[in-house]
C-alpha atoms as a PDB file:
ATOM      1  CA  MET A   1     107.535 103.996 111.073  1.00  0.00           C
ATOM      2  CA  GLY A   2     104.297 103.196 112.851  1.00  0.00           C
ATOM      3  CA  LEU A   3     102.881 101.490 109.766  1.00  0.00           C
ATOM      4  CA  VAL A   4     106.083  99.472 109.322  1.00  0.00           C
ATOM      5  CA  LEU A   5     105.851  98.345 112.939  1.00  0.00           C
ATOM      6  CA  PHE A   6     102.169  97.576 112.450  1.00  0.00           C
ATOM      7  CA  SER A   7     103.044  95.320 109.533  1.00  0.00           C
ATOM      8  CA  VAL A   8     106.183  93.716 111.011  1.00  0.00           C
ATOM      9  CA  VAL A   9     105.173  93.364 114.656  1.00  0.00           C
ATOM     10  CA  GLY A  10     101.559  92.628 113.767  1.00  0.00           C
ATOM     11  CA  ARG A  11     102.645  89.438 112.006  1.00  0.00           C
ATOM     12  CA  GLN A  12     103.639  88.037 115.413  1.00  0.00           C
ATOM     13  CA  PHE A  13     100.045  88.236 116.650  1.00  0.00           C
ATOM     14  CA  ILE A  14      98.209  86.740 113.690  1.00  0.00           C
ATOM     15  CA  ASP A  15      98.129  83.518 111.737  1.00  0.00           C
ATOM     16  CA  PRO A  16      99.117  84.468 108.148  1.00  0.00           C
ATOM     17  CA  LYS A  17      96.891  81.677 106.834  1.00  0.00           C
ATOM     18  CA  ASN A  18      93.855  83.666 108.021  1.00  0.00           C
ATOM     19  CA  ALA A  19      94.599  86.310 105.358  1.00  0.00           C
ATOM     20  CA  TYR A  20      93.654  83.853 102.622  1.00  0.00           C
ATOM     21  CA  ALA A  21      90.332  82.531 101.365  1.00  0.00           C
ATOM     22  CA  LEU A  22      88.286  79.963 103.315  1.00  0.00           C
ATOM     23  CA  ALA A  23      90.216  80.549 106.526  1.00  0.00           C
ATOM     24  CA  THR A  24      87.107  81.329 108.553  1.00  0.00           C
ATOM     25  CA  MET A  25      83.397  82.128 108.307  1.00  0.00           C
ATOM     26  CA  PRO A  26      82.569  84.817 105.711  1.00  0.00           C
ATOM     27  CA  ASP A  27      80.895  88.202 106.272  1.00  0.00           C
ATOM     28  CA  LEU A  28      81.375  88.325 110.029  1.00  0.00           C
ATOM     29  CA  PRO A  29      81.276  91.786 111.653  1.00  0.00           C
ATOM     30  CA  PRO A  30      84.070  92.783 114.064  1.00  0.00           C
ATOM     31  CA  THR A  31      84.237  90.496 117.124  1.00  0.00           C
ATOM     32  CA  ARG A  32      86.806  89.681 119.791  1.00  0.00           C
ATOM     33  CA  GLU A  33      88.044  86.772 117.670  1.00  0.00           C
ATOM     34  CA  HIS A  34      88.066  88.849 114.469  1.00  0.00           C
ATOM     35  CA  PRO A  35      88.625  92.520 115.466  1.00  0.00           C
ATOM     36  CA  PHE A  36      88.363  93.740 111.857  1.00  0.00           C
ATOM     37  CA  GLY A  37      85.694  91.236 110.816  1.00  0.00           C
ATOM     38  CA  THR A  38      85.887  88.926 107.804  1.00  0.00           C
ATOM     39  CA  ASP A  39      85.114  89.306 104.101  1.00  0.00           C
ATOM     40  CA  SER A  40      82.961  87.286 101.712  1.00  0.00           C
ATOM     41  CA  GLN A  41      85.815  84.883 100.954  1.00  0.00           C
ATOM     42  CA  GLY A  42      86.308  83.975 104.591  1.00  0.00           C
ATOM     43  CA  LYS A  43      89.482  86.044 105.064  1.00  0.00           C
ATOM     44  CA  ASP A  44      90.231  87.629 108.427  1.00  0.00           C
ATOM     45  CA  LEU A  45      90.531  91.334 107.608  1.00  0.00           C
ATOM     46  CA  LEU A  46      92.990  92.113 110.409  1.00  0.00           C
ATOM     47  CA  ALA A  47      95.420  89.539 109.041  1.00  0.00           C
ATOM     48  CA  SER A  48      94.752  90.752 105.488  1.00  0.00           C
ATOM     49  CA  VAL A  49      95.413  94.407 106.344  1.00  0.00           C
ATOM     50  CA  ILE A  50      98.587  93.578 108.293  1.00  0.00           C
ATOM     51  CA  LEU A  51     100.039  91.441 105.493  1.00  0.00           C
ATOM     52  CA  GLY A  52      98.691  93.707 102.759  1.00  0.00           C
ATOM     53  CA  THR A  53     100.286  96.837 104.229  1.00  0.00           C
ATOM     54  CA  GLY A  54     103.719  95.243 104.215  1.00  0.00           C
ATOM     55  CA  MET A  55     103.317  93.778 100.735  1.00  0.00           C
ATOM     56  CA  THR A  56     102.072  97.081  99.309  1.00  0.00           C
ATOM     57  CA  LEU A  57     105.017  98.910 100.891  1.00  0.00           C
ATOM     58  CA  GLN A  58     107.371  96.348  99.365  1.00  0.00           C
ATOM     59  CA  ILE A  59     105.991  97.036  95.888  1.00  0.00           C
ATOM     60  CA  GLY A  60     106.335 100.786  96.440  1.00  0.00           C
ATOM     61  CA  ALA A  61     109.880 100.374  97.751  1.00  0.00           C
ATOM     62  CA  ILE A  62     110.941  98.216  94.786  1.00  0.00           C
ATOM     63  CA  ALA A  63     109.450 100.640  92.277  1.00  0.00           C
ATOM     64  CA  GLY A  64     110.846 103.663  94.143  1.00  0.00           C
ATOM     65  CA  ILE A  65     114.390 102.319  94.486  1.00  0.00           C
ATOM     66  CA  ILE A  66     114.553 101.244  90.842  1.00  0.00           C
ATOM     67  CA  GLY A  67     113.004 104.481  89.639  1.00  0.00           C
ATOM     68  CA  ILE A  68     115.238 106.756  91.682  1.00  0.00           C
ATOM     69  CA  GLY A  69     118.274 104.594  90.848  1.00  0.00           C
ATOM     70  CA  ILE A  70     117.754 104.913  87.097  1.00  0.00           C
ATOM     71  CA  GLY A  71     116.726 108.551  87.439  1.00  0.00           C
ATOM     72  CA  THR A  72     119.842 109.367  89.466  1.00  0.00           C
ATOM     73  CA  ILE A  73     122.207 107.810  86.938  1.00  0.00           C
ATOM     74  CA  LEU A  74     120.531 109.396  83.926  1.00  0.00           C
ATOM     75  CA  GLY A  75     120.059 112.744  85.673  1.00  0.00           C
ATOM     76  CA  PHE A  76     123.690 113.057  86.714  1.00  0.00           C
ATOM     77  CA  VAL A  77     125.028 111.926  83.344  1.00  0.00           C
ATOM     78  CA  SER A  78     122.690 114.224  81.442  1.00  0.00           C
ATOM     79  CA  GLY A  79     123.199 117.256  83.676  1.00  0.00           C
ATOM     80  CA  TYR A  80     126.953 117.003  84.073  1.00  0.00           C
ATOM     81  CA  TYR A  81     128.096 116.026  80.596  1.00  0.00           C
ATOM     82  CA  GLY A  82     125.465 117.853  78.503  1.00  0.00           C
ATOM     83  CA  GLY A  83     125.825 117.830  74.727  1.00  0.00           C
ATOM     84  CA  VAL A  84     124.442 114.988  72.634  1.00  0.00           C
ATOM     85  CA  VAL A  85     124.019 112.714  75.658  1.00  0.00           C
ATOM     86  CA  ASP A  86     121.901 115.344  77.375  1.00  0.00           C
ATOM     87  CA  ASN A  87     119.785 115.890  74.260  1.00  0.00           C
ATOM     88  CA  VAL A  88     119.093 112.170  73.857  1.00  0.00           C
ATOM     89  CA  ILE A  89     118.206 111.611  77.512  1.00  0.00           C
ATOM     90  CA  THR A  90     115.997 114.686  77.803  1.00  0.00           C
ATOM     91  CA  SER A  91     114.199 113.781  74.569  1.00  0.00           C
ATOM     92  CA  VAL A  92     113.422 110.289  75.853  1.00  0.00           C
ATOM     93  CA  VAL A  93     112.290 111.698  79.198  1.00  0.00           C
ATOM     94  CA  ASP A  94     110.028 114.249  77.494  1.00  0.00           C
ATOM     95  CA  VAL A  95     108.401 111.497  75.449  1.00  0.00           C
ATOM     96  CA  VAL A  96     107.846 109.280  78.489  1.00  0.00           C
ATOM     97  CA  LEU A  97     106.404 112.142  80.554  1.00  0.00           C
ATOM     98  CA  THR A  98     103.857 112.957  77.857  1.00  0.00           C
ATOM     99  CA  MET A  99     102.519 109.400  77.858  1.00  0.00           C
ATOM    100  CA  PRO A 100      99.594 108.395  80.121  1.00  0.00           C
ATOM    101  CA  ALA A 101     101.618 106.560  82.754  1.00  0.00           C
ATOM    102  CA  PHE A 102      98.799 104.580  84.338  1.00  0.00           C
ATOM    103  CA  LEU A 103      97.461 103.367  80.994  1.00  0.00           C
ATOM    104  CA  ILE A 104     100.952 102.135  80.128  1.00  0.00           C
ATOM    105  CA  LEU A 105     101.106 100.267  83.435  1.00  0.00           C
ATOM    106  CA  VAL A 106      97.712  98.692  82.801  1.00  0.00           C
ATOM    107  CA  LEU A 107      98.775  97.584  79.316  1.00  0.00           C
ATOM    108  CA  ILE A 108     102.091  96.096  80.457  1.00  0.00           C
ATOM    109  CA  ALA A 109     100.627  94.427  83.541  1.00  0.00           C
ATOM    110  CA  SER A 110      97.705  92.976  81.559  1.00  0.00           C
ATOM    111  CA  ILE A 111     100.047  91.458  78.991  1.00  0.00           C
ATOM    112  CA  LEU A 112     102.411  89.996  81.601  1.00  0.00           C
ATOM    113  CA  ALA A 113      99.552  88.724  83.783  1.00  0.00           C
ATOM    114  CA  ARG A 114      98.178  86.434  81.088  1.00  0.00           C
ATOM    115  CA  GLY A 115      98.442  82.858  82.271  1.00  0.00           C
ATOM    116  CA  SER A 116     100.273  83.761  85.491  1.00  0.00           C
ATOM    117  CA  ASP A 117      99.862  85.755  88.680  1.00  0.00           C
ATOM    118  CA  LEU A 118     102.091  88.763  89.193  1.00  0.00           C
ATOM    119  CA  LYS A 119     104.099  88.489  92.400  1.00  0.00           C
ATOM    120  CA  THR A 120     105.348  91.336  94.588  1.00  0.00           C
ATOM    121  CA  LEU A 121     108.691  91.678  92.782  1.00  0.00           C
ATOM    122  CA  GLN A 122     107.043  91.570  89.371  1.00  0.00           C
ATOM    123  CA  MET A 123     104.509  94.232  90.366  1.00  0.00           C
ATOM    124  CA  GLY A 124     107.327  96.449  91.633  1.00  0.00           C
ATOM    125  CA  LEU A 125     109.249  96.032  88.385  1.00  0.00           C
ATOM    126  CA  ILE A 126     106.164  96.867  86.317  1.00  0.00           C
ATOM    127  CA  VAL A 127     105.401 100.023  88.295  1.00  0.00           C
ATOM    128  CA  SER A 128     109.043 101.115  88.002  1.00  0.00           C
ATOM    129  CA  VAL A 129     108.717 101.237  84.194  1.00  0.00           C
ATOM    130  CA  VAL A 130     107.386 104.800  84.376  1.00  0.00           C
ATOM    131  CA  SER A 131     108.807 105.862  87.752  1.00  0.00           C
ATOM    132  CA  TRP A 132     112.237 106.991  86.545  1.00  0.00           C
ATOM    133  CA  ALA A 133     111.338 109.789  84.123  1.00  0.00           C
ATOM    134  CA  PHE A 134     110.359 112.546  86.558  1.00  0.00           C
ATOM    135  CA  PRO A 135     113.349 111.915  88.919  1.00  0.00           C
ATOM    136  CA  THR A 136     115.643 112.082  85.891  1.00  0.00           C
ATOM    137  CA  ARG A 137     114.369 115.523  84.904  1.00  0.00           C
ATOM    138  CA  ALA A 138     114.413 116.846  88.485  1.00  0.00           C
ATOM    139  CA  ILE A 139     117.911 115.557  89.275  1.00  0.00           C
ATOM    140  CA  ARG A 140     119.239 116.860  85.943  1.00  0.00           C
ATOM    141  CA  ALA A 141     117.980 120.337  86.862  1.00  0.00           C
ATOM    142  CA  GLN A 142     119.769 120.142  90.216  1.00  0.00           C
ATOM    143  CA  VAL A 143     123.018 119.012  88.581  1.00  0.00           C
ATOM    144  CA  LEU A 144     122.836 121.816  86.009  1.00  0.00           C
ATOM    145  CA  SER A 145     122.697 124.344  88.846  1.00  0.00           C
ATOM    146  CA  MET A 146     125.676 122.755  90.620  1.00  0.00           C
ATOM    147  CA  ARG A 147     128.159 121.918  87.892  1.00  0.00           C
ATOM    148  CA  GLN A 148     129.363 125.539  87.536  1.00  0.00           C
ATOM    149  CA  ARG A 149     129.880 126.077  91.260  1.00  0.00           C
ATOM    150  CA  PRO A 150     133.379 126.763  92.599  1.00  0.00           C
ATOM    151  CA  PHE A 151     133.861 123.419  94.341  1.00  0.00           C
ATOM    152  CA  VAL A 152     133.173 121.591  91.063  1.00  0.00           C
ATOM    153  CA  MET A 153     135.580 123.854  89.158  1.00  0.00           C
ATOM    154  CA  MET A 154     138.260 123.241  91.803  1.00  0.00           C
ATOM    155  CA  ALA A 155     137.723 119.500  91.488  1.00  0.00           C
ATOM    156  CA  LYS A 156     138.247 119.754  87.713  1.00  0.00           C
ATOM    157  CA  LEU A 157     141.424 121.804  88.190  1.00  0.00           C
ATOM    158  CA  SER A 158     142.743 119.205  90.630  1.00  0.00           C
ATOM    159  CA  GLY A 159     142.572 116.587  87.896  1.00  0.00           C
ATOM    160  CA  MET A 160     139.461 114.710  88.946  1.00  0.00           C
ATOM    161  CA  LYS A 161     137.547 113.027  86.129  1.00  0.00           C
ATOM    162  CA  GLY A 162     133.811 113.310  85.512  1.00  0.00           C
ATOM    163  CA  PRO A 163     132.704 110.075  87.235  1.00  0.00           C
ATOM    164  CA  GLU A 164     134.869 110.902  90.263  1.00  0.00           C
ATOM    165  CA  ILE A 165     133.443 114.425  90.499  1.00  0.00           C
ATOM    166  CA  ILE A 166     129.922 113.053  90.310  1.00  0.00           C
ATOM    167  CA  ALA A 167     130.564 110.399  92.969  1.00  0.00           C
ATOM    168  CA  LYS A 168     132.626 112.496  95.402  1.00  0.00           C
ATOM    169  CA  GLU A 169     131.338 116.039  94.921  1.00  0.00           C
ATOM    170  CA  LEU A 170     127.854 116.132  93.414  1.00  0.00           C
ATOM    171  CA  VAL A 171     126.166 113.071  94.942  1.00  0.00           C
ATOM    172  CA  PRO A 172     127.022 113.929  98.587  1.00  0.00           C
ATOM    173  CA  ASN A 173     125.652 117.455  98.112  1.00  0.00           C
ATOM    174  CA  LEU A 174     122.408 116.104  96.698  1.00  0.00           C
ATOM    175  CA  LEU A 175     121.820 113.293  99.216  1.00  0.00           C
ATOM    176  CA  PRO A 176     118.967 115.120 101.045  1.00  0.00           C
ATOM    177  CA  TYR A 177     117.288 115.834  97.713  1.00  0.00           C
ATOM    178  CA  LEU A 178     117.751 112.210  96.603  1.00  0.00           C
ATOM    179  CA  ALA A 179     116.193 110.991  99.858  1.00  0.00           C
ATOM    180  CA  MET A 180     113.197 113.251  99.282  1.00  0.00           C
ATOM    181  CA  SER A 181     112.927 112.032  95.689  1.00  0.00           C
ATOM    182  CA  LEU A 182     113.029 108.428  96.915  1.00  0.00           C
ATOM    183  CA  ALA A 183     110.109 109.072  99.268  1.00  0.00           C
ATOM    184  CA  GLN A 184     108.154 110.577  96.378  1.00  0.00           C
ATOM    185  CA  SER A 185     109.006 107.613  94.153  1.00  0.00           C
ATOM    186  CA  VAL A 186     107.840 105.141  96.806  1.00  0.00           C
ATOM    187  CA  TYR A 187     104.607 107.124  97.116  1.00  0.00           C
ATOM    188  CA  GLY A 188     104.131 106.947  93.344  1.00  0.00           C
ATOM    189  CA  GLY A 189     104.910 103.222  93.372  1.00  0.00           C
ATOM    190  CA  VAL A 190     102.283 102.592  96.042  1.00  0.00           C
ATOM    191  CA  ILE A 191      99.709 104.628  94.105  1.00  0.00           C
ATOM    192  CA  GLY A 192     100.484 102.718  90.896  1.00  0.00           C
ATOM    193  CA  SER A 193     100.226  99.310  92.570  1.00  0.00           C
ATOM    194  CA  LEU A 194      96.949 100.234  94.294  1.00  0.00           C
ATOM    195  CA  GLY A 195      95.477 101.337  90.983  1.00  0.00           C
ATOM    196  CA  LEU A 196      96.480  98.157  89.140  1.00  0.00           C
ATOM    197  CA  GLN A 197      95.302  95.835  91.889  1.00  0.00           C
ATOM    198  CA  ALA A 198      92.014  97.694  92.323  1.00  0.00           C
ATOM    199  CA  LEU A 199      91.351  96.741  88.679  1.00  0.00           C
ATOM    200  CA  GLY A 200      92.070  93.107  89.512  1.00  0.00           C
ATOM    201  CA  ILE A 201      95.469  93.009  87.806  1.00  0.00           C
ATOM    202  CA  GLY A 202      97.909  90.905  89.812  1.00  0.00           C
ATOM    203  CA  ASP A 203      97.793  87.925  92.120  1.00  0.00           C
ATOM    204  CA  ARG A 204      94.197  87.921  93.364  1.00  0.00           C
ATOM    205  CA  ARG A 205      94.953  85.327  96.017  1.00  0.00           C
ATOM    206  CA  GLN A 206      97.308  87.680  97.876  1.00  0.00           C
ATOM    207  CA  PRO A 207      95.984  90.220 100.431  1.00  0.00           C
ATOM    208  CA  TYR A 208      97.414  93.371  98.829  1.00  0.00           C
ATOM    209  CA  LEU A 209      95.591  96.504  99.927  1.00  0.00           C
ATOM    210  CA  GLY A 210      94.649  97.257  96.331  1.00  0.00           C
ATOM    211  CA  MET A 211      93.359  93.719  95.861  1.00  0.00           C
ATOM    212  CA  ILE A 212      91.164  94.100  98.947  1.00  0.00           C
ATOM    213  CA  ILE A 213      89.573  97.087  97.202  1.00  0.00           C
ATOM    214  CA  TYR A 214      89.029  94.932  94.129  1.00  0.00           C
ATOM    215  CA  TRP A 215      87.168  92.284  96.135  1.00  0.00           C
ATOM    216  CA  ILE A 216      85.111  94.983  97.871  1.00  0.00           C
ATOM    217  CA  THR A 217      83.723  96.072  94.507  1.00  0.00           C
ATOM    218  CA  PHE A 218      83.519  92.513  93.168  1.00  0.00           C
ATOM    219  CA  TYR A 219      81.281  91.381  96.029  1.00  0.00           C
ATOM    220  CA  SER A 220      79.339  94.695  96.195  1.00  0.00           C
ATOM    221  CA  ALA A 221      80.232  95.355  99.822  1.00  0.00           C
ATOM    222  CA  PHE A 222      78.720  98.842  99.599  1.00  0.00           C
ATOM    223  CA  LEU A 223      75.296  97.558  98.559  1.00  0.00           C
ATOM    224  CA  ARG A 224      75.364  94.748 101.124  1.00  0.00           C
ATOM    225  CA  GLY A 225      76.217  97.051 104.012  1.00  0.00           C
ATOM    226  CA  LEU A 226      79.494  95.341 104.933  1.00  0.00           C
ATOM    227  CA  TRP A 227      80.894  98.557 106.375  1.00  0.00           C
ATOM    228  CA  TRP A 228      83.804  96.943 108.227  1.00  0.00           C
ATOM    229  CA  TRP A 229      85.130  95.473 104.976  1.00  0.00           C
ATOM    230  CA  ILE A 230      85.220  98.967 103.471  1.00  0.00           C
ATOM    231  CA  LEU A 231      86.253 101.133 106.419  1.00  0.00           C
ATOM    232  CA  GLU A 232      89.395  99.385 107.615  1.00  0.00           C
ATOM    233  CA  PRO A 233      91.305  98.862 104.322  1.00  0.00           C
ATOM    234  CA  VAL A 234      90.403 102.348 103.086  1.00  0.00           C
ATOM    235  CA  ALA A 235      91.528 103.871 106.400  1.00  0.00           C
ATOM    236  CA  MET A 236      94.836 101.983 106.163  1.00  0.00           C
ATOM    237  CA  ILE A 237      95.392 103.156 102.583  1.00  0.00           C
ATOM    238  CA  ILE A 238      94.729 106.762 103.621  1.00  0.00           C
ATOM    239  CA  LEU A 239      97.138 106.433 106.572  1.00  0.00           C
ATOM    240  CA  LEU A 240      99.803 104.874 104.361  1.00  0.00           C
ATOM    241  CA  LEU A 241      99.608 107.532 101.657  1.00  0.00           C
ATOM    242  CA  THR A 242      99.442 110.344 104.227  1.00  0.00           C
ATOM    243  CA  ALA A 243     102.522 108.993 106.027  1.00  0.00           C
ATOM    244  CA  LEU A 244     104.529 108.795 102.799  1.00  0.00           C
ATOM    245  CA  MET A 245     103.419 112.309 101.847  1.00  0.00           C
ATOM    246  CA  LEU A 246     104.441 113.728 105.240  1.00  0.00           C
ATOM    247  CA  ILE A 247     107.832 111.997 104.992  1.00  0.00           C
ATOM    248  CA  SER A 248     108.312 113.583 101.576  1.00  0.00           C
ATOM    249  CA  PHE A 249     107.357 117.036 102.918  1.00  0.00           C
ATOM    250  CA  GLY A 250     109.726 116.633 105.857  1.00  0.00           C
ATOM    251  CA  LEU A 251     112.636 115.621 103.651  1.00  0.00           C
ATOM    252  CA  ASP A 252     111.795 118.468 101.274  1.00  0.00           C
ATOM    253  CA  GLU A 253     112.365 120.927 104.129  1.00  0.00           C
ATOM    254  CA  VAL A 254     115.816 119.409 104.673  1.00  0.00           C
ATOM    255  CA  ALA A 255     116.683 119.358 100.971  1.00  0.00           C
ATOM    256  CA  ASN A 256     115.302 122.823 100.148  1.00  0.00           C
ATOM    257  CA  PRO A 257     116.289 125.579 102.606  1.00  0.00           C
ATOM    258  CA  ARG A 258     113.758 127.974 101.059  1.00  0.00           C
ATOM    259  CA  VAL A 259     110.826 125.948 102.393  1.00  0.00           C
ATOM    260  CA  ARG A 260     112.187 125.415 105.897  1.00  0.00           C
ATOM    261  CA  ARG A 261     109.984 126.685 108.667  1.00  0.00           C
ATOM    262  CA  ARG A 262     111.256 129.660 110.541  1.00  0.00           C
ATOM    263  CA  VAL A 263     111.786 128.942 114.211  1.00  0.00           C
END
């Protein structure tokens, strides 16, 4: 929540134009006017980090929502109905999970980036290509353990059809687990976007956190001693990933009674 507020509220105290090239003098250390300093392209790093945090979270959210959405549908259908449908879905999932996910993302993003810059929505869609497989397997396993429980059998005896049982009986019981899976998917989406952008794949004019890392290496900030350009974006990335991980752990305690802390 703090990072969301930092990104949303922080926009009220900066000029978004300062997050783009040639906005100010380059390579300035932190000052009162530029608390985070500036980079070699003349971008104010405070404005870049504020905008970049929100944009990176947007990519992660898009990829996470799409991934968990597809995974939920396939997982419930596969786990509840079984048979040929289950065999087909699990076979596809097994194939996808054995593939090197990041290399696939690099290949797809490189092909789509030719001649155009990938925007936030496009980056989220690309990352979501491989984000659905693991949720599908995990949700299927949960559904398999639930479909023989008494409340599901009673729903069948009452005349409820499969889609109605899934929507009214299974989904509500798995909401905490789905929320935890969503947090994990957003985390994976953020990681995927950071990796692609750190390689320079995407819209290089935008202040994504991963793209800041790309420019750090491009302009050899380490060798030139521009410590402020390195410290602040890296610290924000660590805070962002740590926050998403802690949210996932917290939701896991709600979804899985066996890992709840004893009071």
